[in-house]
Amino acid sequence: MDMQAIGNDVSGGTATRLSRHEHRQTRVLLWAVAMLLIPTALMAFKTSGLPGAAAAERVVSLSGVPGDLLDRLRYILFVPLGAVVIVLFRVSLGLRVLGPFRSILLAVAFQITGIPLGLLFLALVVGAVVALRPVLRDLRVPYFGRMSITVSVVATLIVLFVMLSKTFDYAPLYRVAYFPIVVLCLAADGFARAARREGVPSALWRGAMTALAAVLITWITALPEVLPLLLRFPELLLLNVGVILILSEYFAFRLLRRLGPAPAGGGRLEGPLALIPAPARALRQ
């Protein structure tokens, strides 16, 4: 096989990959446009005053749900909005966090405890779990045992905070009892894993960005206009899907990816990118 034939094969393979990439981008764009247009059209119809608009307003709405259900719906409706913030952080800004879900879960917890107390207790729990892990590793406790002990330690810390609140008659500390134990365990375990794989500086940076994203989500969802808008127009959840598709495909700039300490040893790729061969990965980054 001569050099010209080899060159033709390489050019043909590259053209095929580019063609597939463009085809995939077109499909992503079509889905994104659909996810943006459908809820927008429905919102416009519900507020148009046309025949059937009042019925659509009554059926496609969460306004008037019972109060006990409203508290539950509040967190469900805010999850997709939090997902948009996480995609903005990780994909558009390139700020590394401790996974795609922890900031959203922490934001839910911060809505219950308040941001200052939530951050303080989160830091205490993460420090305790990180300090405990070498002991458990030295004892060769298996994974399920380690996680069960972590849950028990976190529950003990919550009880200690409640006891302190009772002893010193400081009511705000009682809110710690509403901090979901699973959220604390996930955050602490994610930090400990990052510290072991990438070093403490990288884990601290990722933990700080995770907390910052959670605080931002909490602030956004605390705006008084947000919940009534979502209750009246629950179709906005589909709009979030369209925004995420657009951000992921066309705004993956990773503008601030060089901020923060580099992972020790070069770090590891996260998520689906880790499964893509290096030549094809260049098209996705």
C-alpha atoms as a PDB file:
ATOM      1  CA  MET A   1       0.000   0.000   0.000  1.00  0.00           C
ATOM      2  CA  ASP A   2       1.558   3.333  -1.056  1.00  0.00           C
ATOM      3  CA  MET A   3       1.548   6.569   0.927  1.00  0.00           C
ATOM      4  CA  GLN A   4      -1.261   8.048  -1.157  1.00  0.00           C
ATOM      5  CA  ALA A   5      -3.547   5.129  -0.286  1.00  0.00           C
ATOM      6  CA  ILE A   6      -2.696   5.484   3.392  1.00  0.00           C
ATOM      7  CA  GLY A   7      -3.434   9.183   3.196  1.00  0.00           C
ATOM      8  CA  ASN A   8      -6.774   8.512   1.530  1.00  0.00           C
ATOM      9  CA  ASP A   9      -7.709   6.015   4.260  1.00  0.00           C
ATOM     10  CA  VAL A  10      -6.826   8.506   7.003  1.00  0.00           C
ATOM     11  CA  SER A  11      -8.722  11.307   5.268  1.00  0.00           C
ATOM     12  CA  GLY A  12     -11.709   9.048   4.708  1.00  0.00           C
ATOM     13  CA  GLY A  13     -11.776   7.970   8.354  1.00  0.00           C
ATOM     14  CA  THR A  14     -11.528  11.564   9.562  1.00  0.00           C
ATOM     15  CA  ALA A  15     -14.301  12.652   7.205  1.00  0.00           C
ATOM     16  CA  THR A  16     -16.516   9.823   8.450  1.00  0.00           C
ATOM     17  CA  ARG A  17     -15.980  10.803  12.091  1.00  0.00           C
ATOM     18  CA  LEU A  18     -16.686  14.446  11.296  1.00  0.00           C
ATOM     19  CA  SER A  19     -19.834  13.471   9.408  1.00  0.00           C
ATOM     20  CA  ARG A  20     -21.071  11.413  12.351  1.00  0.00           C
ATOM     21  CA  HIS A  21     -20.232  14.272  14.705  1.00  0.00           C
ATOM     22  CA  GLU A  22     -22.198  16.753  12.598  1.00  0.00           C
ATOM     23  CA  HIS A  23     -25.142  14.330  12.360  1.00  0.00           C
ATOM     24  CA  ARG A  24     -25.156  13.917  16.131  1.00  0.00           C
ATOM     25  CA  GLN A  25     -24.986  17.696  16.610  1.00  0.00           C
ATOM     26  CA  THR A  26     -27.993  18.118  14.340  1.00  0.00           C
ATOM     27  CA  ARG A  27     -30.005  15.595  16.341  1.00  0.00           C
ATOM     28  CA  VAL A  28     -29.013  17.296  19.599  1.00  0.00           C
ATOM     29  CA  LEU A  29     -30.092  20.665  18.194  1.00  0.00           C
ATOM     30  CA  LEU A  30     -33.466  19.272  17.082  1.00  0.00           C
ATOM     31  CA  TRP A  31     -34.121  17.796  20.515  1.00  0.00           C
ATOM     32  CA  ALA A  32     -33.043  21.019  22.216  1.00  0.00           C
ATOM     33  CA  VAL A  33     -35.310  23.136  20.006  1.00  0.00           C
ATOM     34  CA  ALA A  34     -38.219  20.794  20.716  1.00  0.00           C
ATOM     35  CA  MET A  35     -37.612  20.986  24.461  1.00  0.00           C
ATOM     36  CA  LEU A  36     -37.545  24.776  24.239  1.00  0.00           C
ATOM     37  CA  LEU A  37     -40.497  25.269  21.899  1.00  0.00           C
ATOM     38  CA  ILE A  38     -42.990  22.840  23.458  1.00  0.00           C
ATOM     39  CA  PRO A  39     -43.131  24.460  26.921  1.00  0.00           C
ATOM     40  CA  THR A  40     -42.890  27.957  25.433  1.00  0.00           C
ATOM     41  CA  ALA A  41     -45.841  27.287  23.128  1.00  0.00           C
ATOM     42  CA  LEU A  42     -47.850  25.756  25.974  1.00  0.00           C
ATOM     43  CA  MET A  43     -47.160  28.743  28.235  1.00  0.00           C
ATOM     44  CA  ALA A  44     -48.181  31.136  25.475  1.00  0.00           C
ATOM     45  CA  PHE A  45     -51.416  29.212  24.874  1.00  0.00           C
ATOM     46  CA  LYS A  46     -52.316  29.090  28.578  1.00  0.00           C
ATOM     47  CA  THR A  47     -52.007  32.876  28.867  1.00  0.00           C
ATOM     48  CA  SER A  48     -53.538  33.709  25.474  1.00  0.00           C
ATOM     49  CA  GLY A  49     -57.203  33.779  26.435  1.00  0.00           C
ATOM     50  CA  LEU A  50     -58.064  31.570  23.458  1.00  0.00           C
ATOM     51  CA  PRO A  51     -60.768  28.878  23.710  1.00  0.00           C
ATOM     52  CA  GLY A  52     -59.419  26.038  25.808  1.00  0.00           C
ATOM     53  CA  ALA A  53     -56.724  28.176  27.420  1.00  0.00           C
ATOM     54  CA  ALA A  54     -58.514  28.257  30.760  1.00  0.00           C
ATOM     55  CA  ALA A  55     -58.880  24.475  30.749  1.00  0.00           C
ATOM     56  CA  ALA A  56     -55.184  24.060  29.921  1.00  0.00           C
ATOM     57  CA  GLU A  57     -54.317  26.516  32.698  1.00  0.00           C
ATOM     58  CA  ARG A  58     -56.371  24.447  35.133  1.00  0.00           C
ATOM     59  CA  VAL A  59     -55.088  21.011  34.061  1.00  0.00           C
ATOM     60  CA  VAL A  60     -51.417  21.747  33.342  1.00  0.00           C
ATOM     61  CA  SER A  61     -50.740  23.451  36.641  1.00  0.00           C
ATOM     62  CA  LEU A  62     -49.747  22.652  40.196  1.00  0.00           C
ATOM     63  CA  SER A  63     -51.390  25.702  41.733  1.00  0.00           C
ATOM     64  CA  GLY A  64     -53.717  24.875  44.583  1.00  0.00           C
ATOM     65  CA  VAL A  65     -52.088  21.596  45.645  1.00  0.00           C
ATOM     66  CA  PRO A  66     -52.398  20.776  49.382  1.00  0.00           C
ATOM     67  CA  GLY A  67     -49.866  22.434  51.659  1.00  0.00           C
ATOM     68  CA  ASP A  68     -48.197  19.206  52.787  1.00  0.00           C
ATOM     69  CA  LEU A  69     -47.680  18.167  49.162  1.00  0.00           C
ATOM     70  CA  LEU A  70     -46.392  21.628  48.274  1.00  0.00           C
ATOM     71  CA  ASP A  71     -43.404  21.187  50.586  1.00  0.00           C
ATOM     72  CA  ARG A  72     -42.482  18.013  48.722  1.00  0.00           C
ATOM     73  CA  LEU A  73     -43.064  19.534  45.301  1.00  0.00           C
ATOM     74  CA  ARG A  74     -40.850  22.457  46.162  1.00  0.00           C
ATOM     75  CA  TYR A  75     -37.742  20.246  46.160  1.00  0.00           C
ATOM     76  CA  ILE A  76     -38.819  18.220  43.122  1.00  0.00           C
ATOM     77  CA  LEU A  77     -39.371  21.342  41.015  1.00  0.00           C
ATOM     78  CA  PHE A  78     -36.024  22.807  42.014  1.00  0.00           C
ATOM     79  CA  VAL A  79     -33.966  19.742  41.006  1.00  0.00           C
ATOM     80  CA  PRO A  80     -33.944  20.443  37.219  1.00  0.00           C
ATOM     81  CA  LEU A  81     -33.066  24.083  37.903  1.00  0.00           C
ATOM     82  CA  GLY A  82     -30.148  22.905  40.008  1.00  0.00           C
ATOM     83  CA  ALA A  83     -29.081  20.602  37.192  1.00  0.00           C
ATOM     84  CA  VAL A  84     -28.776  23.609  34.867  1.00  0.00           C
ATOM     85  CA  VAL A  85     -26.484  25.310  37.379  1.00  0.00           C
ATOM     86  CA  ILE A  86     -24.294  22.207  37.635  1.00  0.00           C
ATOM     87  CA  VAL A  87     -23.953  21.943  33.850  1.00  0.00           C
ATOM     88  CA  LEU A  88     -23.053  25.638  33.732  1.00  0.00           C
ATOM     89  CA  PHE A  89     -20.393  25.101  36.403  1.00  0.00           C
ATOM     90  CA  ARG A  90     -18.864  21.930  35.005  1.00  0.00           C
ATOM     91  CA  VAL A  91     -19.305  22.204  31.237  1.00  0.00           C
ATOM     92  CA  SER A  92     -19.360  25.919  30.472  1.00  0.00           C
ATOM     93  CA  LEU A  93     -17.043  27.182  33.205  1.00  0.00           C
ATOM     94  CA  GLY A  94     -14.996  24.017  33.646  1.00  0.00           C
ATOM     95  CA  LEU A  95     -15.158  24.137  37.455  1.00  0.00           C
ATOM     96  CA  ARG A  96     -14.705  20.623  38.823  1.00  0.00           C
ATOM     97  CA  VAL A  97     -17.224  19.504  41.434  1.00  0.00           C
ATOM     98  CA  LEU A  98     -17.782  16.311  43.401  1.00  0.00           C
ATOM     99  CA  GLY A  99     -20.116  14.711  40.896  1.00  0.00           C
ATOM    100  CA  PRO A 100     -23.308  15.944  39.242  1.00  0.00           C
ATOM    101  CA  PHE A 101     -25.776  15.392  42.102  1.00  0.00           C
ATOM    102  CA  ARG A 102     -24.119  16.392  45.359  1.00  0.00           C
ATOM    103  CA  SER A 103     -24.535  20.150  44.899  1.00  0.00           C
ATOM    104  CA  ILE A 104     -28.248  19.706  44.189  1.00  0.00           C
ATOM    105  CA  LEU A 105     -28.714  17.515  47.258  1.00  0.00           C
ATOM    106  CA  LEU A 106     -26.759  19.974  49.401  1.00  0.00           C
ATOM    107  CA  ALA A 107     -28.903  22.841  48.112  1.00  0.00           C
ATOM    108  CA  VAL A 108     -32.003  20.953  49.243  1.00  0.00           C
ATOM    109  CA  ALA A 109     -30.425  20.545  52.676  1.00  0.00           C
ATOM    110  CA  PHE A 110     -29.372  24.229  52.840  1.00  0.00           C
ATOM    111  CA  GLN A 111     -32.980  25.247  52.250  1.00  0.00           C
ATOM    112  CA  ILE A 112     -33.801  23.462  55.498  1.00  0.00           C
ATOM    113  CA  THR A 113     -30.820  24.385  57.667  1.00  0.00           C
ATOM    114  CA  GLY A 114     -29.847  27.738  56.216  1.00  0.00           C
ATOM    115  CA  ILE A 115     -26.596  28.332  54.343  1.00  0.00           C
ATOM    116  CA  PRO A 116     -24.198  29.348  57.181  1.00  0.00           C
ATOM    117  CA  LEU A 117     -25.177  26.508  59.519  1.00  0.00           C
ATOM    118  CA  GLY A 118     -25.315  24.049  56.616  1.00  0.00           C
ATOM    119  CA  LEU A 119     -21.792  24.933  55.458  1.00  0.00           C
ATOM    120  CA  LEU A 120     -20.426  24.756  58.997  1.00  0.00           C
ATOM    121  CA  PHE A 121     -21.923  21.355  59.704  1.00  0.00           C
ATOM    122  CA  LEU A 122     -20.937  20.041  56.271  1.00  0.00           C
ATOM    123  CA  ALA A 123     -17.295  21.020  56.897  1.00  0.00           C
ATOM    124  CA  LEU A 124     -17.395  19.333  60.316  1.00  0.00           C
ATOM    125  CA  VAL A 125     -18.824  16.102  58.901  1.00  0.00           C
ATOM    126  CA  VAL A 126     -16.370  15.994  55.980  1.00  0.00           C
ATOM    127  CA  GLY A 127     -13.444  16.555  58.350  1.00  0.00           C
ATOM    128  CA  ALA A 128     -14.622  13.807  60.686  1.00  0.00           C
ATOM    129  CA  VAL A 129     -15.151  11.292  57.875  1.00  0.00           C
ATOM    130  CA  VAL A 130     -11.793  12.060  56.245  1.00  0.00           C
ATOM    131  CA  ALA A 131     -10.031  11.664  59.596  1.00  0.00           C
ATOM    132  CA  LEU A 132     -11.827   8.371  60.196  1.00  0.00           C
ATOM    133  CA  ARG A 133     -11.054   6.742  56.835  1.00  0.00           C
ATOM    134  CA  PRO A 134      -7.342   5.959  57.518  1.00  0.00           C
ATOM    135  CA  VAL A 135      -8.351   4.204  60.733  1.00  0.00           C
ATOM    136  CA  LEU A 136     -10.940   2.085  58.947  1.00  0.00           C
ATOM    137  CA  ARG A 137      -8.502   1.350  56.131  1.00  0.00           C
ATOM    138  CA  ASP A 138      -5.868   0.267  58.638  1.00  0.00           C
ATOM    139  CA  LEU A 139      -8.438  -2.043  60.223  1.00  0.00           C
ATOM    140  CA  ARG A 140      -9.257  -3.372  56.717  1.00  0.00           C
ATOM    141  CA  VAL A 141     -12.965  -2.782  57.182  1.00  0.00           C
ATOM    142  CA  PRO A 142     -14.789  -3.692  53.917  1.00  0.00           C
ATOM    143  CA  TYR A 143     -16.631  -1.055  51.903  1.00  0.00           C
ATOM    144  CA  PHE A 144     -20.115  -1.778  53.253  1.00  0.00           C
ATOM    145  CA  GLY A 145     -18.743  -1.749  56.765  1.00  0.00           C
ATOM    146  CA  ARG A 146     -16.981   1.583  56.168  1.00  0.00           C
ATOM    147  CA  MET A 147     -20.103   3.199  54.771  1.00  0.00           C
ATOM    148  CA  SER A 148     -22.242   1.870  57.608  1.00  0.00           C
ATOM    149  CA  ILE A 149     -19.801   3.262  60.145  1.00  0.00           C
ATOM    150  CA  THR A 150     -19.825   6.586  58.274  1.00  0.00           C
ATOM    151  CA  VAL A 151     -23.619   6.737  58.513  1.00  0.00           C
ATOM    152  CA  SER A 152     -23.427   6.008  62.248  1.00  0.00           C
ATOM    153  CA  VAL A 153     -20.780   8.698  62.816  1.00  0.00           C
ATOM    154  CA  VAL A 154     -22.799  11.291  60.908  1.00  0.00           C
ATOM    155  CA  ALA A 155     -25.927  10.432  62.904  1.00  0.00           C
ATOM    156  CA  THR A 156     -23.898  10.750  66.119  1.00  0.00           C
ATOM    157  CA  LEU A 157     -22.665  14.211  65.111  1.00  0.00           C
ATOM    158  CA  ILE A 158     -26.234  15.323  64.436  1.00  0.00           C
ATOM    159  CA  VAL A 159     -27.314  14.083  67.855  1.00  0.00           C
ATOM    160  CA  LEU A 160     -24.367  15.896  69.483  1.00  0.00           C
ATOM    161  CA  PHE A 161     -25.378  19.157  67.822  1.00  0.00           C
ATOM    162  CA  VAL A 162     -28.952  18.747  69.060  1.00  0.00           C
ATOM    163  CA  MET A 163     -27.657  18.035  72.581  1.00  0.00           C
ATOM    164  CA  LEU A 164     -25.512  21.186  72.432  1.00  0.00           C
ATOM    165  CA  SER A 165     -28.521  23.164  71.278  1.00  0.00           C
ATOM    166  CA  LYS A 166     -30.527  21.857  74.204  1.00  0.00           C
ATOM    167  CA  THR A 167     -27.740  22.455  76.723  1.00  0.00           C
ATOM    168  CA  PHE A 168     -27.047  26.052  75.696  1.00  0.00           C
ATOM    169  CA  ASP A 169     -30.652  26.808  74.744  1.00  0.00           C
ATOM    170  CA  TYR A 170     -29.644  27.809  71.219  1.00  0.00           C
ATOM    171  CA  ALA A 171     -32.590  26.931  68.994  1.00  0.00           C
ATOM    172  CA  PRO A 172     -30.954  27.478  65.538  1.00  0.00           C
ATOM    173  CA  LEU A 173     -28.774  24.392  66.040  1.00  0.00           C
ATOM    174  CA  TYR A 174     -31.913  22.262  66.122  1.00  0.00           C
ATOM    175  CA  ARG A 175     -32.133  22.702  62.336  1.00  0.00           C
ATOM    176  CA  VAL A 176     -29.160  20.344  61.956  1.00  0.00           C
ATOM    177  CA  ALA A 177     -31.534  17.496  62.809  1.00  0.00           C
ATOM    178  CA  TYR A 178     -33.264  18.106  59.449  1.00  0.00           C
ATOM    179  CA  PHE A 179     -30.025  17.742  57.474  1.00  0.00           C
ATOM    180  CA  PRO A 180     -30.441  14.517  55.428  1.00  0.00           C
ATOM    181  CA  ILE A 181     -27.877  11.977  56.631  1.00  0.00           C
ATOM    182  CA  VAL A 182     -27.499  10.422  53.173  1.00  0.00           C
ATOM    183  CA  VAL A 183     -26.576  13.816  51.667  1.00  0.00           C
ATOM    184  CA  LEU A 184     -23.875  14.332  54.283  1.00  0.00           C
ATOM    185  CA  CYS A 185     -22.504  10.837  53.748  1.00  0.00           C
ATOM    186  CA  LEU A 186     -22.397  11.248  49.955  1.00  0.00           C
ATOM    187  CA  ALA A 187     -20.617  14.590  50.203  1.00  0.00           C
ATOM    188  CA  ALA A 188     -18.089  13.329  52.729  1.00  0.00           C
ATOM    189  CA  ASP A 189     -17.431  10.124  50.795  1.00  0.00           C
ATOM    190  CA  GLY A 190     -16.999  12.047  47.538  1.00  0.00           C
ATOM    191  CA  PHE A 191     -14.465  14.364  49.168  1.00  0.00           C
ATOM    192  CA  ALA A 192     -12.557  11.466  50.725  1.00  0.00           C
ATOM    193  CA  ARG A 193     -12.382   9.639  47.391  1.00  0.00           C
ATOM    194  CA  ALA A 194     -11.150  12.768  45.611  1.00  0.00           C
ATOM    195  CA  ALA A 195      -8.502  13.323  48.296  1.00  0.00           C
ATOM    196  CA  ARG A 196      -7.235   9.755  47.936  1.00  0.00           C
ATOM    197  CA  ARG A 197      -7.129   9.794  44.119  1.00  0.00           C
ATOM    198  CA  GLU A 198      -6.133  13.381  43.374  1.00  0.00           C
ATOM    199  CA  GLY A 199      -4.628  14.761  46.569  1.00  0.00           C
ATOM    200  CA  VAL A 200      -6.023  17.007  49.297  1.00  0.00           C
ATOM    201  CA  PRO A 201      -5.594  20.352  47.437  1.00  0.00           C
ATOM    202  CA  SER A 202      -7.632  19.118  44.462  1.00  0.00           C
ATOM    203  CA  ALA A 203     -10.276  17.636  46.773  1.00  0.00           C
ATOM    204  CA  LEU A 204     -10.535  20.915  48.694  1.00  0.00           C
ATOM    205  CA  TRP A 205     -11.014  22.830  45.458  1.00  0.00           C
ATOM    206  CA  ARG A 206     -13.682  20.438  44.182  1.00  0.00           C
ATOM    207  CA  GLY A 207     -15.404  20.471  47.563  1.00  0.00           C
ATOM    208  CA  ALA A 208     -15.407  24.284  47.598  1.00  0.00           C
ATOM    209  CA  MET A 209     -16.859  24.442  44.076  1.00  0.00           C
ATOM    210  CA  THR A 210     -19.506  21.877  45.054  1.00  0.00           C
ATOM    211  CA  ALA A 211     -20.498  23.999  48.043  1.00  0.00           C
ATOM    212  CA  LEU A 212     -20.457  27.179  45.933  1.00  0.00           C
ATOM    213  CA  ALA A 213     -22.780  25.606  43.363  1.00  0.00           C
ATOM    214  CA  ALA A 214     -25.079  24.465  46.174  1.00  0.00           C
ATOM    215  CA  VAL A 215     -25.171  27.979  47.638  1.00  0.00           C
ATOM    216  CA  LEU A 216     -25.959  29.462  44.217  1.00  0.00           C
ATOM    217  CA  ILE A 217     -28.791  26.963  43.678  1.00  0.00           C
ATOM    218  CA  THR A 218     -30.142  27.777  47.140  1.00  0.00           C
ATOM    219  CA  TRP A 219     -30.108  31.513  46.416  1.00  0.00           C
ATOM    220  CA  ILE A 220     -31.857  31.072  43.073  1.00  0.00           C
ATOM    221  CA  THR A 221     -34.563  28.817  44.459  1.00  0.00           C
ATOM    222  CA  ALA A 222     -35.101  31.188  47.394  1.00  0.00           C
ATOM    223  CA  LEU A 223     -36.254  33.970  45.054  1.00  0.00           C
ATOM    224  CA  PRO A 224     -39.937  34.557  45.832  1.00  0.00           C
ATOM    225  CA  GLU A 225     -40.949  34.544  42.156  1.00  0.00           C
ATOM    226  CA  VAL A 226     -39.464  31.139  41.314  1.00  0.00           C
ATOM    227  CA  LEU A 227     -41.801  28.713  43.087  1.00  0.00           C
ATOM    228  CA  PRO A 228     -45.094  30.364  42.014  1.00  0.00           C
ATOM    229  CA  LEU A 229     -43.818  30.455  38.433  1.00  0.00           C
ATOM    230  CA  LEU A 230     -42.970  26.742  38.473  1.00  0.00           C
ATOM    231  CA  LEU A 231     -46.286  25.871  40.090  1.00  0.00           C
ATOM    232  CA  ARG A 232     -48.217  27.747  37.435  1.00  0.00           C
ATOM    233  CA  PHE A 233     -46.026  26.559  34.552  1.00  0.00           C
ATOM    234  CA  PRO A 234     -44.632  23.090  35.416  1.00  0.00           C
ATOM    235  CA  GLU A 235     -43.841  22.671  31.710  1.00  0.00           C
ATOM    236  CA  LEU A 236     -40.752  24.768  32.440  1.00  0.00           C
ATOM    237  CA  LEU A 237     -39.126  21.511  33.561  1.00  0.00           C
ATOM    238  CA  LEU A 238     -38.875  20.578  29.877  1.00  0.00           C
ATOM    239  CA  LEU A 239     -37.342  23.971  29.179  1.00  0.00           C
ATOM    240  CA  ASN A 240     -34.548  23.057  31.584  1.00  0.00           C
ATOM    241  CA  VAL A 241     -33.816  19.965  29.475  1.00  0.00           C
ATOM    242  CA  GLY A 242     -33.464  22.110  26.361  1.00  0.00           C
ATOM    243  CA  VAL A 243     -31.161  24.562  28.137  1.00  0.00           C
ATOM    244  CA  ILE A 244     -28.957  21.702  29.369  1.00  0.00           C
ATOM    245  CA  LEU A 245     -28.681  20.287  25.843  1.00  0.00           C
ATOM    246  CA  ILE A 246     -27.695  23.691  24.463  1.00  0.00           C
ATOM    247  CA  LEU A 247     -25.127  24.311  27.203  1.00  0.00           C
ATOM    248  CA  SER A 248     -23.631  20.833  26.861  1.00  0.00           C
ATOM    249  CA  GLU A 249     -23.302  20.959  23.079  1.00  0.00           C
ATOM    250  CA  TYR A 250     -22.634  24.582  22.180  1.00  0.00           C
ATOM    251  CA  PHE A 251     -21.316  26.237  25.339  1.00  0.00           C
ATOM    252  CA  ALA A 252     -18.801  23.632  26.535  1.00  0.00           C
ATOM    253  CA  PHE A 253     -16.101  26.294  26.783  1.00  0.00           C
ATOM    254  CA  ARG A 254     -14.674  25.294  30.194  1.00  0.00           C
ATOM    255  CA  LEU A 255     -13.534  28.886  30.567  1.00  0.00           C
ATOM    256  CA  LEU A 256     -12.124  28.525  34.089  1.00  0.00           C
ATOM    257  CA  ARG A 257     -10.763  24.990  33.815  1.00  0.00           C
ATOM    258  CA  ARG A 258      -7.239  26.149  34.720  1.00  0.00           C
ATOM    259  CA  LEU A 259      -8.359  27.551  38.056  1.00  0.00           C
ATOM    260  CA  GLY A 260      -7.602  25.542  41.145  1.00  0.00           C
ATOM    261  CA  PRO A 261      -4.886  22.990  41.855  1.00  0.00           C
ATOM    262  CA  ALA A 262      -4.238  20.253  39.326  1.00  0.00           C
ATOM    263  CA  PRO A 263      -5.035  16.689  40.416  1.00  0.00           C
ATOM    264  CA  ALA A 264      -2.019  14.799  41.711  1.00  0.00           C
ATOM    265  CA  GLY A 265      -0.663  12.484  39.028  1.00  0.00           C
ATOM    266  CA  GLY A 266      -2.604  14.237  36.284  1.00  0.00           C
ATOM    267  CA  GLY A 267      -6.010  13.149  37.604  1.00  0.00           C
ATOM    268  CA  ARG A 268      -8.625  11.068  35.835  1.00  0.00           C
ATOM    269  CA  LEU A 269     -11.249  11.864  33.300  1.00  0.00           C
ATOM    270  CA  GLU A 270     -14.755  11.932  34.694  1.00  0.00           C
ATOM    271  CA  GLY A 271     -17.982  10.482  33.387  1.00  0.00           C
ATOM    272  CA  PRO A 272     -18.560   9.209  29.825  1.00  0.00           C
ATOM    273  CA  LEU A 273     -15.377  10.837  28.499  1.00  0.00           C
ATOM    274  CA  ALA A 274     -13.333   8.250  30.355  1.00  0.00           C
ATOM    275  CA  LEU A 275     -14.862   5.547  28.122  1.00  0.00           C
ATOM    276  CA  ILE A 276     -14.168   7.276  24.801  1.00  0.00           C
ATOM    277  CA  PRO A 277     -10.937   6.397  22.935  1.00  0.00           C
ATOM    278  CA  ALA A 278      -8.415   9.235  22.801  1.00  0.00           C
ATOM    279  CA  PRO A 279      -8.761  10.061  19.047  1.00  0.00           C
ATOM    280  CA  ALA A 280     -12.535  10.326  19.275  1.00  0.00           C
ATOM    281  CA  ARG A 281     -12.338  12.165  22.578  1.00  0.00           C
ATOM    282  CA  ALA A 282     -10.834  15.178  20.842  1.00  0.00           C
ATOM    283  CA  LEU A 283     -14.135  15.753  19.065  1.00  0.00           C
ATOM    284  CA  ARG A 284     -16.031  15.844  22.366  1.00  0.00           C
ATOM    285  CA  GLN A 285     -13.733  18.175  24.317  1.00  0.00           C
END
